[in-house]
Amino acid sequence: MIVQPKINTRKGSAEMFTGDVYIDTVVYSVESSPIRVNSVHFTPGARTAWHSHAVGQYLHVVEGTGLVQEKNGEVKVLRPGDTIYTEPGIWHWHGASKDSFMTHLAIWEAPSTGKESDWGEHVSDEEYNRQP
């Protein structure tokens, strides 16, 4: 059995997020398990930059109203209890709606080799404002 000590809450970097985002690490991998879980807290209007994951990613909304969009897809609204899966290599963004905080669990695996994620440009206000 391995006890993983709590990691202090950290602010999401300006390179990866627009607005105020706070991250709590829930599970970080050990050599025998590549799983990773973060509890990510978005303030209203906050969002990730465009990014993709080598092995895909699950998002499970815990509270508030969230938004997610795959590149060239429609913006989808997420509510507490909703879970969405983004396939490996698919560019997407996610964050809070304009008028609500949102917290989700981000769940993914680290690949056996190479980068976990690729990060691109910030989601423009025009892209973000296409909310349904």
N, C-alpha and C. Protein backbone atom coordinates (compact mmCIF):
# COMPACT_ATOMS: atom_id res chain seq x y z
N MET A 1 0.84 -1.17 0.00
CA MET A 1 0.00 0.00 0.00
C MET A 1 0.89 1.24 0.00
N ILE A 2 0.49 2.23 -0.79
CA ILE A 2 1.24 3.48 -0.88
C ILE A 2 0.31 4.61 -0.45
N VAL A 3 0.72 5.38 0.54
CA VAL A 3 -0.03 6.55 0.95
C VAL A 3 0.51 7.74 0.17
N GLN A 4 -0.40 8.44 -0.50
CA GLN A 4 0.01 9.63 -1.25
C GLN A 4 -0.37 10.86 -0.44
N PRO A 5 0.62 11.60 0.05
CA PRO A 5 0.32 12.80 0.84
C PRO A 5 -0.39 13.84 -0.03
N LYS A 6 -1.21 14.66 0.61
CA LYS A 6 -1.91 15.73 -0.09
C LYS A 6 -0.92 16.71 -0.69
N ILE A 7 -1.19 17.12 -1.90
CA ILE A 7 -0.42 18.17 -2.56
C ILE A 7 -1.22 19.45 -2.43
N ASN A 8 -0.57 20.54 -2.08
CA ASN A 8 -1.28 21.81 -1.91
C ASN A 8 -1.96 22.25 -3.19
N THR A 9 -3.10 22.92 -3.04
CA THR A 9 -3.81 23.51 -4.17
C THR A 9 -2.87 24.45 -4.91
N ARG A 10 -2.92 24.40 -6.24
CA ARG A 10 -2.08 25.30 -7.04
C ARG A 10 -2.95 26.02 -8.06
N LYS A 11 -2.52 27.20 -8.44
CA LYS A 11 -3.22 27.99 -9.45
C LYS A 11 -2.79 27.49 -10.82
N GLY A 12 -3.76 27.35 -11.72
CA GLY A 12 -3.45 26.94 -13.09
C GLY A 12 -2.62 28.00 -13.78
N SER A 13 -1.69 27.56 -14.62
CA SER A 13 -0.77 28.49 -15.27
C SER A 13 -1.47 29.30 -16.37
N ALA A 14 -1.00 30.53 -16.56
CA ALA A 14 -1.55 31.42 -17.58
C ALA A 14 -1.29 30.88 -18.98
N GLU A 15 -0.32 29.99 -19.14
CA GLU A 15 -0.06 29.39 -20.46
C GLU A 15 -1.13 28.38 -20.84
N MET A 16 -1.76 27.76 -19.84
CA MET A 16 -2.74 26.70 -20.11
C MET A 16 -4.18 27.11 -19.86
N PHE A 17 -4.40 28.23 -19.16
CA PHE A 17 -5.76 28.61 -18.77
C PHE A 17 -6.01 30.10 -19.00
N THR A 18 -7.26 30.42 -19.28
CA THR A 18 -7.76 31.79 -19.29
C THR A 18 -8.63 31.93 -18.05
N GLY A 19 -8.40 32.97 -17.26
CA GLY A 19 -9.17 33.15 -16.03
C GLY A 19 -8.54 32.41 -14.87
N ASP A 20 -9.23 32.43 -13.74
CA ASP A 20 -8.70 31.81 -12.53
C ASP A 20 -9.16 30.37 -12.40
N VAL A 21 -8.17 29.49 -12.33
CA VAL A 21 -8.40 28.06 -12.22
C VAL A 21 -7.49 27.53 -11.12
N TYR A 22 -8.04 26.66 -10.28
CA TYR A 22 -7.28 26.09 -9.17
C TYR A 22 -7.34 24.57 -9.25
N ILE A 23 -6.20 23.94 -9.00
CA ILE A 23 -6.08 22.50 -9.20
C ILE A 23 -5.66 21.82 -7.90
N ASP A 24 -6.42 20.77 -7.56
CA ASP A 24 -6.07 19.89 -6.46
C ASP A 24 -5.75 18.52 -7.05
N THR A 25 -4.55 18.03 -6.80
CA THR A 25 -4.19 16.69 -7.25
C THR A 25 -4.85 15.69 -6.32
N VAL A 26 -5.60 14.76 -6.89
CA VAL A 26 -6.28 13.73 -6.11
C VAL A 26 -5.46 12.44 -6.14
N VAL A 27 -5.04 12.03 -7.35
CA VAL A 27 -4.24 10.82 -7.53
C VAL A 27 -3.11 11.15 -8.50
N TYR A 28 -1.91 10.84 -8.10
CA TYR A 28 -0.80 10.94 -9.04
C TYR A 28 -0.19 9.57 -9.17
N SER A 29 0.38 9.33 -10.31
CA SER A 29 0.76 7.95 -10.61
C SER A 29 1.98 7.49 -9.83
N VAL A 30 2.02 6.21 -9.64
CA VAL A 30 3.19 5.53 -9.13
C VAL A 30 3.66 4.62 -10.25
N GLU A 31 4.80 4.05 -10.12
CA GLU A 31 5.40 3.27 -11.20
C GLU A 31 4.46 2.19 -11.76
N SER A 32 3.69 1.56 -10.91
CA SER A 32 2.84 0.46 -11.37
C SER A 32 1.48 0.90 -11.89
N SER A 33 1.14 2.19 -11.78
CA SER A 33 -0.16 2.68 -12.22
C SER A 33 -0.02 4.05 -12.87
N PRO A 34 -0.45 4.18 -14.12
CA PRO A 34 -0.30 5.47 -14.81
C PRO A 34 -1.48 6.43 -14.61
N ILE A 35 -2.42 6.10 -13.72
CA ILE A 35 -3.62 6.92 -13.57
C ILE A 35 -3.30 8.27 -12.92
N ARG A 36 -4.05 9.28 -13.36
CA ARG A 36 -3.93 10.62 -12.78
C ARG A 36 -5.34 11.18 -12.61
N VAL A 37 -5.57 11.88 -11.49
CA VAL A 37 -6.85 12.51 -11.24
C VAL A 37 -6.60 13.87 -10.59
N ASN A 38 -7.20 14.91 -11.17
CA ASN A 38 -7.16 16.24 -10.59
C ASN A 38 -8.59 16.72 -10.38
N SER A 39 -8.80 17.43 -9.30
CA SER A 39 -10.05 18.17 -9.10
C SER A 39 -9.73 19.60 -9.52
N VAL A 40 -10.43 20.06 -10.57
CA VAL A 40 -10.11 21.36 -11.17
C VAL A 40 -11.28 22.31 -10.94
N HIS A 41 -10.99 23.47 -10.36
CA HIS A 41 -11.99 24.45 -9.96
C HIS A 41 -11.87 25.68 -10.87
N PHE A 42 -12.90 25.92 -11.67
CA PHE A 42 -12.92 27.04 -12.61
C PHE A 42 -13.84 28.14 -12.08
N THR A 43 -13.39 29.39 -12.11
CA THR A 43 -14.26 30.52 -11.81
C THR A 43 -15.09 30.82 -13.05
N PRO A 44 -16.20 31.56 -12.92
CA PRO A 44 -17.02 31.85 -14.10
C PRO A 44 -16.19 32.42 -15.25
N GLY A 45 -16.37 31.85 -16.44
CA GLY A 45 -15.65 32.30 -17.63
C GLY A 45 -14.27 31.71 -17.81
N ALA A 46 -13.74 31.03 -16.79
CA ALA A 46 -12.40 30.45 -16.89
C ALA A 46 -12.44 29.19 -17.74
N ARG A 47 -11.34 28.92 -18.44
CA ARG A 47 -11.30 27.78 -19.35
C ARG A 47 -9.87 27.38 -19.66
N THR A 48 -9.73 26.16 -20.18
CA THR A 48 -8.42 25.70 -20.62
C THR A 48 -8.10 26.30 -21.98
N ALA A 49 -6.86 26.18 -22.37
CA ALA A 49 -6.46 26.43 -23.75
C ALA A 49 -6.81 25.17 -24.55
N TRP A 50 -6.73 25.24 -25.87
CA TRP A 50 -6.89 24.05 -26.69
C TRP A 50 -5.80 23.06 -26.31
N HIS A 51 -6.16 21.79 -26.18
CA HIS A 51 -5.17 20.78 -25.83
C HIS A 51 -5.68 19.40 -26.23
N SER A 52 -4.77 18.43 -26.21
CA SER A 52 -5.13 17.04 -26.47
C SER A 52 -4.34 16.16 -25.52
N HIS A 53 -4.84 14.95 -25.32
CA HIS A 53 -4.19 13.99 -24.42
C HIS A 53 -3.79 12.75 -25.21
N ALA A 54 -2.60 12.25 -24.94
CA ALA A 54 -2.07 11.10 -25.67
C ALA A 54 -2.94 9.86 -25.50
N VAL A 55 -3.54 9.69 -24.32
CA VAL A 55 -4.30 8.47 -24.03
C VAL A 55 -5.79 8.80 -23.76
N GLY A 56 -6.23 10.01 -24.08
CA GLY A 56 -7.61 10.40 -23.84
C GLY A 56 -7.81 10.93 -22.43
N GLN A 57 -9.04 11.38 -22.15
CA GLN A 57 -9.33 11.97 -20.84
C GLN A 57 -10.82 11.88 -20.54
N TYR A 58 -11.14 11.58 -19.28
CA TYR A 58 -12.50 11.66 -18.77
C TYR A 58 -12.63 12.94 -17.95
N LEU A 59 -13.77 13.59 -18.05
CA LEU A 59 -14.11 14.72 -17.19
C LEU A 59 -15.43 14.37 -16.51
N HIS A 60 -15.49 14.49 -15.20
CA HIS A 60 -16.71 14.23 -14.44
C HIS A 60 -17.04 15.50 -13.67
N VAL A 61 -18.16 16.13 -13.99
CA VAL A 61 -18.54 17.39 -13.36
C VAL A 61 -19.11 17.12 -11.97
N VAL A 62 -18.56 17.83 -11.00
CA VAL A 62 -18.96 17.68 -9.60
C VAL A 62 -19.95 18.77 -9.20
N GLU A 63 -19.69 20.00 -9.66
CA GLU A 63 -20.60 21.10 -9.33
C GLU A 63 -20.52 22.19 -10.38
N GLY A 64 -21.58 22.98 -10.47
CA GLY A 64 -21.62 24.11 -11.39
C GLY A 64 -22.00 23.69 -12.80
N THR A 65 -21.80 24.63 -13.73
CA THR A 65 -22.11 24.39 -15.14
C THR A 65 -20.82 24.50 -15.94
N GLY A 66 -20.53 23.46 -16.70
CA GLY A 66 -19.31 23.42 -17.49
C GLY A 66 -19.60 23.44 -18.97
N LEU A 67 -18.55 23.69 -19.73
CA LEU A 67 -18.61 23.69 -21.18
C LEU A 67 -17.44 22.88 -21.70
N VAL A 68 -17.64 22.20 -22.82
CA VAL A 68 -16.57 21.46 -23.46
C VAL A 68 -16.79 21.52 -24.97
N GLN A 69 -15.70 21.55 -25.71
CA GLN A 69 -15.81 21.59 -27.17
C GLN A 69 -14.62 20.88 -27.78
N GLU A 70 -14.90 19.99 -28.74
CA GLU A 70 -13.84 19.42 -29.56
C GLU A 70 -13.61 20.37 -30.73
N LYS A 71 -12.40 20.37 -31.27
CA LYS A 71 -12.07 21.23 -32.41
C LYS A 71 -13.09 20.99 -33.52
N ASN A 72 -13.66 22.07 -34.04
CA ASN A 72 -14.66 22.06 -35.11
C ASN A 72 -15.98 21.43 -34.69
N GLY A 73 -16.20 21.24 -33.40
CA GLY A 73 -17.46 20.67 -32.92
C GLY A 73 -18.30 21.73 -32.22
N GLU A 74 -19.45 21.31 -31.74
CA GLU A 74 -20.34 22.21 -31.01
C GLU A 74 -19.92 22.29 -29.54
N VAL A 75 -20.18 23.43 -28.92
CA VAL A 75 -19.96 23.58 -27.49
C VAL A 75 -21.07 22.80 -26.78
N LYS A 76 -20.67 21.93 -25.85
CA LYS A 76 -21.63 21.13 -25.09
C LYS A 76 -21.66 21.61 -23.65
N VAL A 77 -22.85 21.63 -23.07
CA VAL A 77 -23.03 22.04 -21.67
C VAL A 77 -22.94 20.80 -20.79
N LEU A 78 -22.21 20.93 -19.70
CA LEU A 78 -22.04 19.84 -18.74
C LEU A 78 -22.60 20.28 -17.39
N ARG A 79 -23.31 19.37 -16.74
CA ARG A 79 -23.91 19.66 -15.43
C ARG A 79 -23.44 18.61 -14.42
N PRO A 80 -23.63 18.86 -13.13
CA PRO A 80 -23.17 17.90 -12.12
C PRO A 80 -23.67 16.49 -12.42
N GLY A 81 -22.74 15.55 -12.32
CA GLY A 81 -23.04 14.15 -12.60
C GLY A 81 -22.71 13.73 -14.02
N ASP A 82 -22.56 14.70 -14.94
CA ASP A 82 -22.20 14.37 -16.33
C ASP A 82 -20.74 13.96 -16.42
N THR A 83 -20.47 12.97 -17.25
CA THR A 83 -19.11 12.54 -17.54
C THR A 83 -18.94 12.54 -19.04
N ILE A 84 -17.81 13.05 -19.50
CA ILE A 84 -17.52 13.07 -20.94
C ILE A 84 -16.14 12.46 -21.15
N TYR A 85 -15.98 11.78 -22.26
CA TYR A 85 -14.68 11.19 -22.61
C TYR A 85 -14.22 11.81 -23.91
N THR A 86 -12.98 12.27 -23.92
CA THR A 86 -12.36 12.80 -25.13
C THR A 86 -11.33 11.80 -25.59
N GLU A 87 -11.45 11.38 -26.84
CA GLU A 87 -10.56 10.37 -27.42
C GLU A 87 -9.10 10.85 -27.48
N PRO A 88 -8.15 9.92 -27.52
CA PRO A 88 -6.74 10.29 -27.64
C PRO A 88 -6.48 11.17 -28.87
N GLY A 89 -5.66 12.20 -28.67
CA GLY A 89 -5.24 13.06 -29.78
C GLY A 89 -6.27 14.06 -30.26
N ILE A 90 -7.47 14.12 -29.66
CA ILE A 90 -8.51 15.05 -30.09
C ILE A 90 -8.32 16.39 -29.37
N TRP A 91 -8.20 17.45 -30.15
CA TRP A 91 -8.03 18.79 -29.58
C TRP A 91 -9.37 19.26 -29.02
N HIS A 92 -9.34 19.82 -27.81
CA HIS A 92 -10.55 20.26 -27.13
C HIS A 92 -10.22 21.30 -26.07
N TRP A 93 -11.24 21.90 -25.53
CA TRP A 93 -11.10 22.77 -24.36
C TRP A 93 -12.29 22.51 -23.44
N HIS A 94 -12.17 22.92 -22.18
CA HIS A 94 -13.26 22.82 -21.23
C HIS A 94 -13.10 23.88 -20.17
N GLY A 95 -14.23 24.25 -19.57
CA GLY A 95 -14.19 25.28 -18.53
C GLY A 95 -15.57 25.55 -17.99
N ALA A 96 -15.69 26.67 -17.27
CA ALA A 96 -16.95 27.06 -16.65
C ALA A 96 -17.77 27.92 -17.61
N SER A 97 -19.08 27.92 -17.40
CA SER A 97 -19.93 28.84 -18.15
C SER A 97 -19.66 30.27 -17.66
N LYS A 98 -20.25 31.24 -18.35
CA LYS A 98 -20.03 32.65 -18.01
C LYS A 98 -20.53 33.02 -16.62
N ASP A 99 -21.58 32.31 -16.16
CA ASP A 99 -22.24 32.75 -14.93
C ASP A 99 -22.22 31.70 -13.81
N SER A 100 -21.29 30.76 -13.87
CA SER A 100 -21.25 29.72 -12.85
C SER A 100 -19.82 29.23 -12.62
N PHE A 101 -19.53 28.97 -11.37
CA PHE A 101 -18.30 28.22 -11.07
C PHE A 101 -18.50 26.80 -11.59
N MET A 102 -17.42 26.07 -11.79
CA MET A 102 -17.53 24.67 -12.19
C MET A 102 -16.33 23.92 -11.65
N THR A 103 -16.60 22.75 -11.08
CA THR A 103 -15.53 21.86 -10.64
C THR A 103 -15.73 20.53 -11.33
N HIS A 104 -14.64 20.00 -11.89
CA HIS A 104 -14.70 18.66 -12.47
C HIS A 104 -13.50 17.85 -12.03
N LEU A 105 -13.66 16.55 -12.07
CA LEU A 105 -12.54 15.64 -11.91
C LEU A 105 -12.01 15.36 -13.31
N ALA A 106 -10.74 15.58 -13.52
CA ALA A 106 -10.07 15.24 -14.78
C ALA A 106 -9.32 13.94 -14.52
N ILE A 107 -9.62 12.93 -15.34
CA ILE A 107 -9.07 11.59 -15.12
C ILE A 107 -8.41 11.14 -16.42
N TRP A 108 -7.14 10.78 -16.35
CA TRP A 108 -6.43 10.33 -17.54
C TRP A 108 -5.28 9.44 -17.14
N GLU A 109 -4.68 8.82 -18.14
CA GLU A 109 -3.51 7.98 -17.92
C GLU A 109 -2.31 8.60 -18.61
N ALA A 110 -1.16 8.38 -18.02
CA ALA A 110 0.08 8.78 -18.67
C ALA A 110 0.44 7.69 -19.68
N PRO A 111 0.91 8.06 -20.87
CA PRO A 111 1.34 7.04 -21.82
C PRO A 111 2.63 6.38 -21.31
N SER A 112 2.93 5.21 -21.85
CA SER A 112 4.15 4.52 -21.40
C SER A 112 5.41 5.28 -21.80
N THR A 113 5.33 6.02 -22.91
CA THR A 113 6.44 6.89 -23.31
C THR A 113 5.86 8.17 -23.91
N GLY A 114 6.61 9.23 -23.88
CA GLY A 114 6.19 10.48 -24.50
C GLY A 114 5.36 11.36 -23.58
N LYS A 115 4.88 12.46 -24.16
CA LYS A 115 4.12 13.46 -23.41
C LYS A 115 2.71 13.00 -23.11
N GLU A 116 2.18 13.45 -21.97
CA GLU A 116 0.79 13.17 -21.61
C GLU A 116 -0.17 14.03 -22.42
N SER A 117 0.20 15.30 -22.63
CA SER A 117 -0.70 16.26 -23.27
C SER A 117 0.09 17.19 -24.17
N ASP A 118 -0.60 17.70 -25.18
CA ASP A 118 -0.08 18.78 -26.02
C ASP A 118 -0.97 19.99 -25.80
N TRP A 119 -0.37 21.15 -25.66
CA TRP A 119 -1.12 22.38 -25.42
C TRP A 119 -0.94 23.33 -26.57
N GLY A 120 -2.04 23.98 -26.95
CA GLY A 120 -2.04 24.92 -28.07
C GLY A 120 -2.44 26.31 -27.62
N GLU A 121 -3.09 27.02 -28.53
CA GLU A 121 -3.46 28.40 -28.30
C GLU A 121 -4.63 28.50 -27.33
N HIS A 122 -4.76 29.69 -26.76
CA HIS A 122 -5.90 29.96 -25.89
C HIS A 122 -7.18 29.98 -26.71
N VAL A 123 -8.27 29.59 -26.08
CA VAL A 123 -9.59 29.69 -26.69
C VAL A 123 -9.94 31.17 -26.73
N SER A 124 -10.25 31.67 -27.90
CA SER A 124 -10.56 33.09 -28.04
C SER A 124 -11.91 33.40 -27.40
N ASP A 125 -12.14 34.66 -27.09
CA ASP A 125 -13.45 35.07 -26.57
C ASP A 125 -14.54 34.75 -27.58
N GLU A 126 -14.23 34.91 -28.86
CA GLU A 126 -15.22 34.60 -29.91
C GLU A 126 -15.60 33.12 -29.87
N GLU A 127 -14.60 32.24 -29.76
CA GLU A 127 -14.88 30.80 -29.67
C GLU A 127 -15.68 30.49 -28.41
N TYR A 128 -15.26 31.06 -27.28
CA TYR A 128 -15.92 30.81 -26.00
C TYR A 128 -17.36 31.30 -26.00
N ASN A 129 -17.60 32.43 -26.63
CA ASN A 129 -18.93 33.04 -26.64
C ASN A 129 -19.93 32.32 -27.55
N ARG A 130 -19.53 31.24 -28.20
CA ARG A 130 -20.44 30.44 -29.01
C ARG A 130 -21.24 29.47 -28.14
N GLN A 131 -21.33 29.73 -26.87
CA GLN A 131 -22.06 28.84 -25.96
C GLN A 131 -23.52 28.68 -26.40
N PRO A 132 -24.06 27.50 -26.22
CA PRO A 132 -25.48 27.31 -26.58
C PRO A 132 -26.40 28.06 -25.62
